[in-house]
Amino acid sequence: MVHAHGARAAELAARAGARSVEHGTWLDDAAVGAMAEHGTWLVPTLSNTQTDPAAAAEGAAEAHRHAVGLAIEAGVPVAMGSDNPVRPHGEVLREIEHLSRTGLGPAGAFRAATRGAARLLGLADDRGEIAVGKRADLVLLAGTTLDPTALDRRIRGVRRDGVRAR
């Protein structure tokens, strides 16, 4: 895992064999090309730029969304995660909302948070999706919509290995 905001750092990390790049705020075509070629994942932590007014004023919010869009178009796999020390961790669910606006759409954002994250971490053999033989790690939401806004208010239960979490 490489923590990189700049395009050259992300490109060099991918060429050196990094499994993932965290953030990638300023990615360009060369960086996403190298990431796609080497199978390097992007974990954008968009909340770092999307919920910070100073980042918006500096152009980082728009640049970050653009960078994720470039990565998606280039075929770079995307996973949801957070190493974000500047935002409260209670905001992590907003990451799904931010991801949905970058070209992944709501279903793709949920996949990045579940199956994508499990694949990135090498855990997809037993988690990341609802399937026979896999762990029953579930977050149960009210409603049937894939709308990722206000997820924190829709949580009705959590199961870990099929057992209700407290």
Protein backbone atom coordinates (compact mmCIF):
# COMPACT_ATOMS: atom_id res chain seq x y z
CA MET A 1 0.00 0.00 0.00
CA VAL A 2 1.34 3.38 -0.96
CA HIS A 3 -0.02 6.66 0.33
CA ALA A 4 0.24 8.97 -2.70
CA HIS A 5 -1.64 12.03 -3.84
CA GLY A 6 0.50 12.92 -6.87
CA ALA A 7 0.49 11.28 -10.28
CA ARG A 8 4.24 10.54 -10.47
CA ALA A 9 4.28 8.93 -7.03
CA ALA A 10 1.29 6.73 -7.96
CA GLU A 11 2.82 5.81 -11.32
CA LEU A 12 6.16 4.87 -9.79
CA ALA A 13 4.45 2.92 -7.02
CA ALA A 14 2.47 0.90 -9.56
CA ARG A 15 5.60 0.18 -11.61
CA ALA A 16 7.40 -0.91 -8.42
CA GLY A 17 4.62 -3.41 -7.63
CA ALA A 18 2.44 -1.61 -5.08
CA ARG A 19 -0.81 -3.49 -4.46
CA SER A 20 -2.75 -0.25 -3.93
CA VAL A 21 -2.50 3.52 -4.00
CA GLU A 22 -4.37 5.39 -1.30
CA HIS A 23 -5.86 8.75 -2.37
CA GLY A 24 -4.48 9.43 -5.87
CA THR A 25 -5.88 12.95 -5.77
CA TRP A 26 -3.96 14.22 -8.79
CA LEU A 27 -3.77 11.12 -11.03
CA ASP A 28 -3.25 11.58 -14.75
CA ASP A 29 -3.37 9.28 -17.79
CA ALA A 30 0.19 7.99 -17.30
CA ALA A 31 -0.46 7.15 -13.65
CA VAL A 32 -3.76 5.33 -14.25
CA GLY A 33 -2.22 3.58 -17.25
CA ALA A 34 0.58 2.21 -15.08
CA MET A 35 -1.88 1.25 -12.35
CA ALA A 36 -4.11 -0.62 -14.81
CA GLU A 37 -1.12 -2.33 -16.42
CA HIS A 38 0.23 -3.56 -13.09
CA GLY A 39 -3.10 -4.36 -11.41
CA THR A 40 -2.66 -1.67 -8.78
CA TRP A 41 -5.83 -0.83 -6.89
CA LEU A 42 -7.05 2.67 -6.05
CA VAL A 43 -8.46 3.41 -2.59
CA PRO A 44 -9.35 7.07 -3.09
CA THR A 45 -10.63 8.13 0.36
CA LEU A 46 -12.63 10.84 -1.35
CA SER A 47 -13.93 12.17 1.95
CA ASN A 48 -10.48 13.68 2.39
CA THR A 49 -11.27 16.21 -0.33
CA GLN A 50 -15.04 16.13 -0.85
CA THR A 51 -16.09 17.28 2.62
CA ASP A 52 -13.34 19.84 3.18
CA PRO A 53 -14.23 23.38 2.04
CA ALA A 54 -10.53 24.30 1.79
CA ALA A 55 -9.90 21.38 -0.58
CA ALA A 56 -12.79 22.51 -2.75
CA ALA A 57 -11.42 26.04 -2.86
CA GLU A 58 -7.97 24.74 -3.89
CA GLY A 59 -9.44 22.62 -6.70
CA ALA A 60 -8.55 19.33 -4.99
CA ALA A 61 -12.16 18.14 -4.69
CA GLU A 62 -12.80 18.41 -8.43
CA ALA A 63 -9.35 17.05 -9.31
CA HIS A 64 -9.88 14.05 -7.03
CA ARG A 65 -13.24 13.17 -8.63
CA HIS A 66 -11.63 13.55 -12.06
CA ALA A 67 -8.71 11.30 -11.05
CA VAL A 68 -11.05 8.55 -9.86
CA GLY A 69 -13.02 8.83 -13.10
CA LEU A 70 -9.79 8.44 -15.10
CA ALA A 71 -8.89 5.37 -13.07
CA ILE A 72 -12.30 3.79 -13.60
CA GLU A 73 -12.13 4.46 -17.36
CA ALA A 74 -8.64 2.89 -17.49
CA GLY A 75 -9.87 -0.25 -15.72
CA VAL A 76 -8.11 0.35 -12.41
CA PRO A 77 -9.87 -1.67 -9.70
CA VAL A 78 -11.32 0.53 -6.94
CA ALA A 79 -11.88 -0.39 -3.30
CA MET A 80 -13.39 1.65 -0.51
CA GLY A 81 -11.28 2.31 2.54
CA SER A 82 -10.04 5.08 4.73
CA ASP A 83 -6.73 6.07 6.20
CA ASN A 84 -8.10 9.54 6.63
CA PRO A 85 -6.88 11.16 9.86
CA VAL A 86 -8.28 14.61 9.08
CA ARG A 87 -11.97 13.63 8.99
CA PRO A 88 -13.90 11.87 11.76
CA HIS A 89 -14.06 8.12 11.15
CA GLY A 90 -17.81 8.31 11.74
CA GLU A 91 -18.01 9.86 8.27
CA VAL A 92 -16.62 6.76 6.56
CA LEU A 93 -20.04 5.75 5.23
CA ARG A 94 -20.08 8.96 3.19
CA GLU A 95 -17.24 7.41 1.20
CA ILE A 96 -19.79 5.17 -0.55
CA GLU A 97 -21.79 8.26 -1.45
CA HIS A 98 -18.69 10.01 -2.81
CA LEU A 99 -17.62 6.95 -4.80
CA SER A 100 -21.05 6.68 -6.40
CA ARG A 101 -20.57 10.14 -7.93
CA THR A 102 -17.27 9.32 -9.65
CA GLY A 103 -18.51 6.96 -12.33
CA LEU A 104 -19.04 3.87 -10.22
CA GLY A 105 -22.70 4.64 -9.53
CA PRO A 106 -24.40 3.40 -6.36
CA ALA A 107 -24.07 -0.33 -7.13
CA GLY A 108 -20.40 0.05 -8.06
CA ALA A 109 -19.73 2.03 -4.89
CA PHE A 110 -21.29 -0.70 -2.74
CA ARG A 111 -19.20 -3.30 -4.65
CA ALA A 112 -16.05 -1.25 -3.95
CA ALA A 113 -16.94 -1.28 -0.24
CA THR A 114 -17.64 -5.02 -0.12
CA ARG A 115 -16.30 -7.37 -2.78
CA GLY A 116 -13.66 -4.90 -3.97
CA ALA A 117 -12.27 -4.33 -0.49
CA ALA A 118 -12.23 -8.08 0.18
CA ARG A 119 -10.38 -8.75 -3.08
CA LEU A 120 -7.81 -6.04 -2.40
CA LEU A 121 -7.11 -7.46 1.05
CA GLY A 122 -6.88 -11.05 -0.23
CA LEU A 123 -9.99 -12.07 1.72
CA ALA A 124 -12.45 -12.72 -1.12
CA ASP A 125 -12.38 -16.49 -0.60
CA ASP A 126 -14.63 -16.17 2.44
CA ARG A 127 -16.14 -12.66 2.47
CA GLY A 128 -17.11 -9.60 0.47
CA GLU A 129 -20.38 -10.91 -0.95
CA ILE A 130 -23.39 -12.95 0.02
CA ALA A 131 -22.69 -16.46 -1.28
CA VAL A 132 -22.81 -20.05 -0.11
CA GLY A 133 -19.77 -20.92 1.99
CA LYS A 134 -18.84 -17.32 2.76
CA ARG A 135 -18.99 -15.55 6.10
CA ALA A 136 -22.22 -13.78 6.89
CA ASP A 137 -20.76 -10.34 7.60
CA LEU A 138 -23.68 -8.06 6.86
CA VAL A 139 -24.88 -4.53 7.42
CA LEU A 140 -28.67 -4.55 7.21
CA LEU A 141 -30.23 -1.38 5.82
CA ALA A 142 -33.81 -0.13 5.89
CA GLY A 143 -35.44 0.08 2.47
CA THR A 144 -34.62 -1.40 -0.90
CA THR A 145 -32.94 1.54 -2.61
CA LEU A 146 -29.26 1.63 -3.52
CA ASP A 147 -29.20 5.36 -2.75
CA PRO A 148 -26.00 5.75 -0.69
CA THR A 149 -26.97 9.01 1.02
CA ALA A 150 -27.62 8.98 4.78
CA LEU A 151 -26.58 5.35 5.21
CA ASP A 152 -25.91 5.89 8.90
CA ARG A 153 -29.63 6.53 9.45
CA ARG A 154 -30.64 3.39 7.53
CA ILE A 155 -28.61 0.82 9.50
CA ARG A 156 -30.94 -1.63 11.20
CA GLY A 157 -28.48 -4.31 12.21
CA VAL A 158 -25.01 -5.74 11.85
CA ARG A 159 -24.08 -9.41 11.62
CA ARG A 160 -20.55 -10.76 11.97
CA ASP A 161 -20.15 -14.41 11.04
CA GLY A 162 -23.95 -14.53 11.05
CA VAL A 163 -24.19 -13.46 14.68
CA ARG A 164 -25.83 -10.20 15.67
CA ALA A 165 -23.14 -7.70 16.62
CA ARG A 166 -23.66 -5.46 19.60
